[in-house]
Amino acid sequence: MTKGRLNILVVVLIASLLASCQRDVYMYTSFREPADGGLQYLYSEDGYSWTAIDGIFLKPELGEQKIMRDPSMVRGKDGVYHLVWTIGWQGNEGIGYASSKDLINWENKKIVPVMAHEETTVNIWAPELFYDEDEDRYIIIWASTIPERFPRGEEEERNNHRMYYTSTKDFETFTETKLFSDPGFSIIDAVIVKKDKNDYVLVLKDNTRPNRNLKVAFADNPLGPYENVSVPYSGFKTEGPSVVKLDGEWLIYFDSYGTMSYEAVSTTDFKTFKNANHKISVPQGHKHGTIFKASKKDLERLLARDE
């Protein structure tokens, strides 16, 4: 082997090692009941088999009830991680927010009072973050009940949810809260998915008493309106969908609280769905959060802290 070819081989090997160190991994925000512990994580190299990381990485110190449910995470273009979560079962205090550069040390912890203008708001549940790359903004959606505001079915008036939203570019100033989705029934646990340009899917829970299952709806922009609500693709008493694209198809994880298990379906078009339970492995006790990508370096730092 000539010296020149050897040098090229060394350069290729180094580049390969650097790429391996810098590649992203899948992370899953998590919490455990009774939701007073705080933020936890799962991680995965392939998006199918998940491992829990021991420890609490952010304690629920915001709000009167001091809980953390439904943590939703997005990594910004600058590498900063943004987190929102449910801070209380009832009331209109707002949603929790914090940011981090390494998933361990948290800054800017505060309550965002998204429903302060609606004094009769019963709750503010499951805020979900979506980064709108076309407008360079973060959209936050969540479920709230405002009694006597919308028609209802069998559910009680205080359990008749609709989805609301606000948006922000810097998590300092937020747009006026507006109605995000009223599909004609009680809706919670909604997730925005960008399928393609001008092609968006809302993965949602129909929270009406006879259903309590998962469906999808469609729009040509992230703020909707989302229409053509599908038939259910999950069983009774399922919630908390999390969506990730793997191997050319979409995998939708969800909490089957009726059967006390975690399940998943796969789809290529959000019209036909296949059972994917045989493909996944999720630690027992995990409660729904969101799947996001983190740097390999940040994961290694988390694992080192765990040792």
Foldseek 3Di string as FASTA:
>chain_A
DDPVVVVVVVVVVVVVVVCVQWDKWKKFWWDFPVQQAAIWIWTDRAVFEIDTFDDHQDGQPDDDVRGWDAWEWEQDPVQKIKIWTFNDPFDQQAIWIWIDNQSRDIDPTDGDRQCPVQRQKTGWHNWYWDQDVVVQKIKIKTKIQRAPPADEDPDDRRQWIFMKIWMGNPVPDIDRIDGQEDPPYRKGQWDWDDLDQQKIKIWIARPHPVARAIWIFIGRDRSDPTDDIADGPDHHNKHQWEWDDGPQWIKIWIQNVVVQDIFIWIGNPSHDIHGDRVRHHDDRRTDHYYMYIHTSVSVVVSNVVSD
